[in-house]
Amino acid sequence: MKIVLPSFAERLQPLRKAKKVTQRQMAELLDCTEQHYQKIEYGKVNAPATTVIFLADYFGVTTDYLLGRE
């Protein structure tokens, strides 16, 4: 039996949209380009631990939730 956990990207986008923040605004918060943020949100690049912690605090969730380990 294979257990499939939700991916970081599947958790991040709905949180951003619920907060009504654009990808551009998120990129500014993270001090990166919009294209780099898009790659994080689409699961094309891994986010550093410090970014995951920042995002968890920003959205009021745990890092485990963001990483699909709730």
N, C-alpha and C. Protein backbone atom coordinates (compact mmCIF):
# COMPACT_ATOMS: atom_id res chain seq x y z
N MET A 1 0.85 -1.18 0.00
CA MET A 1 0.00 0.00 0.00
C MET A 1 0.88 1.23 0.00
N LYS A 2 0.67 2.11 -0.96
CA LYS A 2 1.46 3.33 -1.07
C LYS A 2 0.68 4.50 -0.49
N ILE A 3 1.32 5.23 0.42
CA ILE A 3 0.69 6.41 1.02
C ILE A 3 1.19 7.63 0.27
N VAL A 4 0.27 8.45 -0.21
CA VAL A 4 0.63 9.65 -0.94
C VAL A 4 0.30 10.87 -0.09
N LEU A 5 1.33 11.63 0.24
CA LEU A 5 1.15 12.84 1.03
C LEU A 5 0.98 14.05 0.11
N PRO A 6 0.18 15.02 0.53
CA PRO A 6 0.07 16.24 -0.28
C PRO A 6 1.43 16.91 -0.37
N SER A 7 1.73 17.45 -1.52
CA SER A 7 3.02 18.10 -1.71
C SER A 7 3.01 19.51 -1.16
N PHE A 8 4.20 20.02 -0.94
CA PHE A 8 4.39 21.39 -0.49
C PHE A 8 3.66 22.35 -1.42
N ALA A 9 3.82 22.15 -2.72
CA ALA A 9 3.18 23.02 -3.71
C ALA A 9 1.65 22.96 -3.60
N GLU A 10 1.10 21.78 -3.37
CA GLU A 10 -0.35 21.64 -3.25
C GLU A 10 -0.89 22.36 -2.02
N ARG A 11 -0.07 22.54 -1.02
CA ARG A 11 -0.49 23.24 0.20
C ARG A 11 -0.26 24.75 0.08
N LEU A 12 0.81 25.14 -0.59
CA LEU A 12 1.21 26.55 -0.62
C LEU A 12 0.26 27.42 -1.43
N GLN A 13 -0.09 27.01 -2.61
CA GLN A 13 -0.93 27.85 -3.48
C GLN A 13 -2.29 28.18 -2.85
N PRO A 14 -3.03 27.21 -2.30
CA PRO A 14 -4.31 27.56 -1.69
C PRO A 14 -4.17 28.51 -0.49
N LEU A 15 -3.10 28.37 0.27
CA LEU A 15 -2.87 29.28 1.39
C LEU A 15 -2.66 30.70 0.88
N ARG A 16 -1.86 30.83 -0.17
CA ARG A 16 -1.60 32.16 -0.75
C ARG A 16 -2.88 32.77 -1.28
N LYS A 17 -3.66 31.98 -2.00
CA LYS A 17 -4.89 32.50 -2.59
C LYS A 17 -5.91 32.87 -1.51
N ALA A 18 -5.99 32.09 -0.45
CA ALA A 18 -6.93 32.39 0.64
C ALA A 18 -6.58 33.72 1.31
N LYS A 19 -5.31 34.04 1.32
CA LYS A 19 -4.85 35.29 1.93
C LYS A 19 -4.91 36.45 0.93
N LYS A 20 -5.28 36.14 -0.32
CA LYS A 20 -5.41 37.12 -1.40
C LYS A 20 -4.11 37.87 -1.64
N VAL A 21 -3.04 37.10 -1.74
CA VAL A 21 -1.71 37.63 -2.02
C VAL A 21 -1.27 37.10 -3.37
N THR A 22 -0.66 37.95 -4.17
CA THR A 22 -0.19 37.53 -5.49
C THR A 22 1.17 36.85 -5.39
N GLN A 23 1.52 36.16 -6.45
CA GLN A 23 2.85 35.55 -6.50
C GLN A 23 3.92 36.63 -6.45
N ARG A 24 3.67 37.76 -7.06
CA ARG A 24 4.63 38.87 -7.03
C ARG A 24 4.84 39.38 -5.60
N GLN A 25 3.75 39.51 -4.86
CA GLN A 25 3.85 39.97 -3.47
C GLN A 25 4.61 38.95 -2.62
N MET A 26 4.38 37.66 -2.86
CA MET A 26 5.10 36.64 -2.12
C MET A 26 6.59 36.70 -2.44
N ALA A 27 6.91 36.92 -3.70
CA ALA A 27 8.32 37.02 -4.10
C ALA A 27 8.98 38.20 -3.39
N GLU A 28 8.27 39.31 -3.28
CA GLU A 28 8.82 40.46 -2.58
C GLU A 28 9.04 40.14 -1.10
N LEU A 29 8.09 39.44 -0.48
CA LEU A 29 8.24 39.05 0.93
C LEU A 29 9.47 38.15 1.13
N LEU A 30 9.70 37.28 0.17
CA LEU A 30 10.80 36.32 0.28
C LEU A 30 12.11 36.85 -0.31
N ASP A 31 12.05 38.06 -0.85
CA ASP A 31 13.22 38.68 -1.47
C ASP A 31 13.80 37.81 -2.58
N CYS A 32 12.91 37.37 -3.46
CA CYS A 32 13.34 36.60 -4.62
C CYS A 32 12.55 37.10 -5.84
N THR A 33 12.88 36.58 -6.99
CA THR A 33 12.14 36.98 -8.19
C THR A 33 10.79 36.28 -8.22
N GLU A 34 9.88 36.86 -8.97
CA GLU A 34 8.56 36.23 -9.13
C GLU A 34 8.70 34.86 -9.77
N GLN A 35 9.61 34.74 -10.72
CA GLN A 35 9.81 33.45 -11.40
C GLN A 35 10.32 32.40 -10.42
N HIS A 36 11.21 32.80 -9.51
CA HIS A 36 11.71 31.84 -8.53
C HIS A 36 10.59 31.41 -7.58
N TYR A 37 9.79 32.37 -7.14
CA TYR A 37 8.67 32.00 -6.27
C TYR A 37 7.72 31.04 -7.00
N GLN A 38 7.44 31.30 -8.26
CA GLN A 38 6.57 30.42 -9.03
C GLN A 38 7.14 29.00 -9.05
N LYS A 39 8.44 28.88 -9.20
CA LYS A 39 9.07 27.56 -9.21
C LYS A 39 8.90 26.87 -7.86
N ILE A 40 8.96 27.64 -6.77
CA ILE A 40 8.73 27.07 -5.44
C ILE A 40 7.29 26.58 -5.35
N GLU A 41 6.36 27.44 -5.77
CA GLU A 41 4.94 27.11 -5.65
C GLU A 41 4.54 25.94 -6.54
N TYR A 42 5.18 25.79 -7.67
CA TYR A 42 4.85 24.70 -8.59
C TYR A 42 5.68 23.44 -8.33
N GLY A 43 6.51 23.48 -7.28
CA GLY A 43 7.29 22.30 -6.92
C GLY A 43 8.47 22.03 -7.83
N LYS A 44 8.94 23.04 -8.55
CA LYS A 44 10.08 22.85 -9.46
C LYS A 44 11.42 22.99 -8.74
N VAL A 45 11.45 23.73 -7.62
CA VAL A 45 12.65 23.86 -6.80
C VAL A 45 12.26 23.66 -5.34
N ASN A 46 13.20 23.20 -4.56
CA ASN A 46 12.96 23.03 -3.13
C ASN A 46 13.22 24.34 -2.41
N ALA A 47 12.36 24.65 -1.46
CA ALA A 47 12.53 25.85 -0.66
C ALA A 47 13.47 25.54 0.50
N PRO A 48 14.37 26.48 0.82
CA PRO A 48 15.24 26.28 1.98
C PRO A 48 14.42 26.21 3.27
N ALA A 49 14.97 25.59 4.30
CA ALA A 49 14.28 25.44 5.57
C ALA A 49 13.84 26.78 6.13
N THR A 50 14.68 27.80 6.00
CA THR A 50 14.32 29.12 6.54
C THR A 50 13.09 29.69 5.82
N THR A 51 12.97 29.40 4.54
CA THR A 51 11.80 29.86 3.78
C THR A 51 10.55 29.10 4.22
N VAL A 52 10.67 27.81 4.43
CA VAL A 52 9.54 27.01 4.88
C VAL A 52 9.06 27.51 6.25
N ILE A 53 9.99 27.80 7.13
CA ILE A 53 9.63 28.33 8.45
C ILE A 53 8.94 29.68 8.32
N PHE A 54 9.50 30.56 7.48
CA PHE A 54 8.89 31.87 7.27
C PHE A 54 7.46 31.73 6.74
N LEU A 55 7.28 30.86 5.75
CA LEU A 55 5.95 30.67 5.15
C LEU A 55 4.96 30.10 6.15
N ALA A 56 5.40 29.16 6.96
CA ALA A 56 4.52 28.59 7.98
C ALA A 56 4.06 29.68 8.95
N ASP A 57 4.98 30.51 9.40
CA ASP A 57 4.63 31.62 10.29
C ASP A 57 3.70 32.61 9.60
N TYR A 58 4.01 32.94 8.36
CA TYR A 58 3.22 33.92 7.60
C TYR A 58 1.77 33.45 7.42
N PHE A 59 1.60 32.17 7.12
CA PHE A 59 0.26 31.65 6.88
C PHE A 59 -0.41 31.08 8.13
N GLY A 60 0.32 31.06 9.24
CA GLY A 60 -0.26 30.58 10.49
C GLY A 60 -0.51 29.08 10.51
N VAL A 61 0.39 28.35 9.88
CA VAL A 61 0.31 26.89 9.88
C VAL A 61 1.64 26.33 10.36
N THR A 62 1.71 25.03 10.55
CA THR A 62 2.96 24.41 10.96
C THR A 62 3.80 24.04 9.74
N THR A 63 5.08 23.88 9.97
CA THR A 63 5.94 23.42 8.87
C THR A 63 5.53 22.00 8.47
N ASP A 64 5.11 21.20 9.44
CA ASP A 64 4.63 19.85 9.10
C ASP A 64 3.45 19.92 8.14
N TYR A 65 2.54 20.85 8.38
CA TYR A 65 1.39 20.99 7.47
C TYR A 65 1.88 21.33 6.06
N LEU A 66 2.75 22.33 5.96
CA LEU A 66 3.25 22.72 4.64
C LEU A 66 3.95 21.56 3.92
N LEU A 67 4.64 20.76 4.69
CA LEU A 67 5.40 19.65 4.09
C LEU A 67 4.57 18.38 3.92
N GLY A 68 3.28 18.46 4.26
CA GLY A 68 2.40 17.30 4.07
C GLY A 68 2.59 16.24 5.13
N ARG A 69 3.08 16.65 6.32
CA ARG A 69 3.37 15.68 7.39
C ARG A 69 2.52 15.94 8.63
N GLU A 70 1.33 16.49 8.44
CA GLU A 70 0.50 16.83 9.60
C GLU A 70 0.02 15.62 10.35
